[in-house]
Amino acid sequence: MSRKCDICGKGSITGNTIVRHGLPKSKGGIGLHTTGITLRRFLPNVQKIRVRENGGVVRKTVCASCIKAGRIEKA
């Protein structure tokens, strides 16, 4: 199953997980130091649902925000 919404095209995006050590300056330390950066993926909340389309019923992969917004009509 592709992690992409068939309605709005929302898909997975990349980002970073940043590991920081040390005590912040505001709490009396010498500041936070970055000790590691790892790539990660942010995945959309997609669901396989049956959608009414052109007088018929089709199974589509739709994100939760499209379902909540009412952009589709459930079968």
N, C-alpha and C. Protein backbone atom coordinates (compact mmCIF):
# COMPACT_ATOMS: atom_id res chain seq x y z
N MET A 1 0.85 -1.18 0.00
CA MET A 1 0.00 0.00 0.00
C MET A 1 0.88 1.23 0.00
N SER A 2 0.65 2.09 -0.95
CA SER A 2 1.41 3.33 -1.03
C SER A 2 0.94 4.29 0.07
N ARG A 3 1.87 4.96 0.71
CA ARG A 3 1.53 5.88 1.81
C ARG A 3 1.27 7.27 1.23
N LYS A 4 0.29 7.32 0.33
CA LYS A 4 -0.06 8.58 -0.31
C LYS A 4 -1.57 8.67 -0.41
N CYS A 5 -2.10 9.85 -0.09
CA CYS A 5 -3.55 10.05 -0.16
C CYS A 5 -3.97 10.19 -1.62
N ASP A 6 -5.02 9.46 -2.01
CA ASP A 6 -5.51 9.53 -3.39
C ASP A 6 -6.29 10.82 -3.64
N ILE A 7 -6.72 11.53 -2.60
CA ILE A 7 -7.51 12.75 -2.76
C ILE A 7 -6.63 13.99 -2.81
N CYS A 8 -5.82 14.21 -1.77
CA CYS A 8 -5.03 15.45 -1.69
C CYS A 8 -3.56 15.25 -2.06
N GLY A 9 -3.09 14.01 -2.17
CA GLY A 9 -1.71 13.77 -2.55
C GLY A 9 -0.71 13.84 -1.41
N LYS A 10 -1.20 13.92 -0.17
CA LYS A 10 -0.30 13.97 0.99
C LYS A 10 0.50 12.68 1.07
N GLY A 11 1.81 12.81 1.26
CA GLY A 11 2.67 11.64 1.34
C GLY A 11 3.66 11.76 2.48
N SER A 12 4.60 10.82 2.54
CA SER A 12 5.59 10.85 3.61
C SER A 12 6.64 11.92 3.33
N ILE A 13 7.13 12.55 4.40
CA ILE A 13 8.18 13.55 4.29
C ILE A 13 9.30 13.19 5.25
N THR A 14 10.49 13.73 5.01
CA THR A 14 11.64 13.39 5.85
C THR A 14 11.96 14.52 6.81
N GLY A 15 12.63 14.15 7.88
CA GLY A 15 13.05 15.12 8.87
C GLY A 15 14.22 14.55 9.65
N ASN A 16 14.51 15.14 10.80
CA ASN A 16 15.63 14.70 11.62
C ASN A 16 15.20 14.45 13.05
N THR A 17 15.88 13.50 13.69
CA THR A 17 15.81 13.32 15.12
C THR A 17 17.12 13.87 15.66
N ILE A 18 17.05 14.90 16.50
CA ILE A 18 18.26 15.55 17.01
C ILE A 18 18.43 15.21 18.48
N VAL A 19 19.59 14.65 18.82
CA VAL A 19 19.92 14.30 20.20
C VAL A 19 20.78 15.40 20.77
N ARG A 20 20.34 15.96 21.93
CA ARG A 20 21.11 17.03 22.56
C ARG A 20 21.43 16.63 24.00
N HIS A 21 22.64 16.93 24.45
CA HIS A 21 23.06 16.66 25.82
C HIS A 21 23.53 17.95 26.46
N GLY A 22 23.46 17.99 27.78
CA GLY A 22 23.93 19.15 28.52
C GLY A 22 22.77 19.86 29.20
N LEU A 23 23.12 20.78 30.08
CA LEU A 23 22.14 21.56 30.82
C LEU A 23 21.96 22.90 30.11
N PRO A 24 20.71 23.33 29.86
CA PRO A 24 20.50 24.60 29.17
C PRO A 24 21.10 25.77 29.94
N LYS A 25 21.49 26.80 29.22
CA LYS A 25 22.08 28.00 29.84
C LYS A 25 21.09 28.65 30.80
N SER A 26 19.80 28.59 30.46
CA SER A 26 18.80 29.21 31.32
C SER A 26 18.68 28.52 32.68
N LYS A 27 19.18 27.29 32.75
CA LYS A 27 19.13 26.55 34.02
C LYS A 27 20.50 26.49 34.68
N GLY A 28 21.44 27.30 34.21
CA GLY A 28 22.75 27.38 34.86
C GLY A 28 23.83 26.53 34.23
N GLY A 29 23.56 25.90 33.11
CA GLY A 29 24.56 25.05 32.46
C GLY A 29 25.36 25.83 31.42
N ILE A 30 26.16 25.07 30.66
CA ILE A 30 26.97 25.72 29.63
C ILE A 30 26.31 25.62 28.25
N GLY A 31 25.08 25.09 28.21
CA GLY A 31 24.33 25.03 26.96
C GLY A 31 24.19 23.62 26.43
N LEU A 32 23.23 23.45 25.54
CA LEU A 32 22.98 22.14 24.94
C LEU A 32 23.94 21.92 23.77
N HIS A 33 24.42 20.69 23.63
CA HIS A 33 25.31 20.33 22.53
C HIS A 33 24.67 19.22 21.72
N THR A 34 24.66 19.36 20.41
CA THR A 34 24.11 18.34 19.52
C THR A 34 25.11 17.21 19.42
N THR A 35 24.66 15.98 19.76
CA THR A 35 25.57 14.84 19.72
C THR A 35 25.20 13.82 18.66
N GLY A 36 24.05 14.00 18.02
CA GLY A 36 23.68 13.06 16.97
C GLY A 36 22.48 13.54 16.20
N ILE A 37 22.51 13.33 14.88
CA ILE A 37 21.39 13.67 14.02
C ILE A 37 21.09 12.45 13.16
N THR A 38 19.85 11.96 13.24
CA THR A 38 19.46 10.77 12.49
C THR A 38 18.26 11.12 11.62
N LEU A 39 18.27 10.65 10.38
CA LEU A 39 17.13 10.88 9.48
C LEU A 39 15.93 10.06 9.93
N ARG A 40 14.75 10.62 9.80
CA ARG A 40 13.52 9.91 10.10
C ARG A 40 12.46 10.28 9.08
N ARG A 41 11.34 9.54 9.07
CA ARG A 41 10.24 9.82 8.14
C ARG A 41 8.97 10.12 8.92
N PHE A 42 8.25 11.13 8.47
CA PHE A 42 6.93 11.46 9.01
C PHE A 42 5.91 10.86 8.06
N LEU A 43 5.13 9.88 8.56
CA LEU A 43 4.18 9.18 7.71
C LEU A 43 2.77 9.72 7.92
N PRO A 44 1.99 9.88 6.83
CA PRO A 44 0.63 10.38 6.96
C PRO A 44 -0.30 9.29 7.49
N ASN A 45 -1.39 9.70 8.11
CA ASN A 45 -2.38 8.76 8.64
C ASN A 45 -3.35 8.42 7.51
N VAL A 46 -3.00 7.40 6.71
CA VAL A 46 -3.84 7.01 5.57
C VAL A 46 -4.61 5.74 5.90
N GLN A 47 -5.86 5.69 5.44
CA GLN A 47 -6.75 4.57 5.68
C GLN A 47 -7.27 4.06 4.34
N LYS A 48 -7.45 2.74 4.24
CA LYS A 48 -8.07 2.16 3.05
C LYS A 48 -9.56 2.11 3.30
N ILE A 49 -10.33 2.91 2.57
CA ILE A 49 -11.78 2.92 2.76
C ILE A 49 -12.49 2.80 1.43
N ARG A 50 -13.76 2.39 1.50
CA ARG A 50 -14.58 2.29 0.30
C ARG A 50 -15.25 3.63 0.07
N VAL A 51 -15.11 4.16 -1.16
CA VAL A 51 -15.59 5.50 -1.51
C VAL A 51 -16.59 5.39 -2.64
N ARG A 52 -17.65 6.18 -2.55
CA ARG A 52 -18.63 6.24 -3.63
C ARG A 52 -18.12 7.21 -4.68
N GLU A 53 -17.99 6.73 -5.92
CA GLU A 53 -17.42 7.56 -6.98
C GLU A 53 -18.05 7.20 -8.33
N ASN A 54 -18.57 8.20 -9.02
CA ASN A 54 -19.18 8.02 -10.35
C ASN A 54 -20.26 6.94 -10.35
N GLY A 55 -21.08 6.91 -9.31
CA GLY A 55 -22.16 5.94 -9.24
C GLY A 55 -21.75 4.54 -8.82
N GLY A 56 -20.45 4.34 -8.58
CA GLY A 56 -19.97 3.03 -8.16
C GLY A 56 -19.20 3.13 -6.85
N VAL A 57 -18.71 2.01 -6.39
CA VAL A 57 -17.94 1.97 -5.15
C VAL A 57 -16.51 1.54 -5.48
N VAL A 58 -15.54 2.33 -4.99
CA VAL A 58 -14.13 2.07 -5.24
C VAL A 58 -13.40 2.07 -3.91
N ARG A 59 -12.36 1.26 -3.78
CA ARG A 59 -11.53 1.28 -2.58
C ARG A 59 -10.35 2.23 -2.81
N LYS A 60 -10.20 3.22 -1.93
CA LYS A 60 -9.14 4.21 -2.08
C LYS A 60 -8.36 4.36 -0.80
N THR A 61 -7.14 4.86 -0.92
CA THR A 61 -6.30 5.18 0.22
C THR A 61 -6.46 6.68 0.49
N VAL A 62 -7.06 7.02 1.63
CA VAL A 62 -7.41 8.41 1.93
C VAL A 62 -6.84 8.78 3.29
N CYS A 63 -6.30 10.01 3.42
CA CYS A 63 -5.77 10.45 4.70
C CYS A 63 -6.91 10.85 5.63
N ALA A 64 -6.63 10.83 6.94
CA ALA A 64 -7.65 11.10 7.95
C ALA A 64 -8.18 12.52 7.85
N SER A 65 -7.33 13.48 7.45
CA SER A 65 -7.80 14.86 7.35
C SER A 65 -8.80 15.03 6.22
N CYS A 66 -8.68 14.28 5.13
CA CYS A 66 -9.65 14.33 4.04
C CYS A 66 -10.98 13.69 4.47
N ILE A 67 -10.90 12.62 5.26
CA ILE A 67 -12.11 11.96 5.76
C ILE A 67 -12.86 12.92 6.69
N LYS A 68 -12.12 13.56 7.62
CA LYS A 68 -12.74 14.49 8.57
C LYS A 68 -13.34 15.70 7.87
N ALA A 69 -12.67 16.18 6.82
CA ALA A 69 -13.14 17.39 6.12
C ALA A 69 -14.34 17.09 5.21
N GLY A 70 -14.65 15.80 5.01
CA GLY A 70 -15.80 15.44 4.18
C GLY A 70 -15.54 15.56 2.70
N ARG A 71 -14.29 15.41 2.29
CA ARG A 71 -13.95 15.53 0.85
C ARG A 71 -14.36 14.29 0.06
N ILE A 72 -14.72 13.22 0.77
CA ILE A 72 -15.15 11.99 0.12
C ILE A 72 -16.50 11.59 0.67
N GLU A 73 -17.19 10.73 -0.08
CA GLU A 73 -18.47 10.20 0.40
C GLU A 73 -18.27 8.70 0.62
N LYS A 74 -18.43 8.26 1.87
CA LYS A 74 -18.24 6.86 2.19
C LYS A 74 -19.34 6.00 1.57
N ALA A 75 -18.98 4.78 1.20
CA ALA A 75 -19.95 3.86 0.62
C ALA A 75 -20.80 3.24 1.72
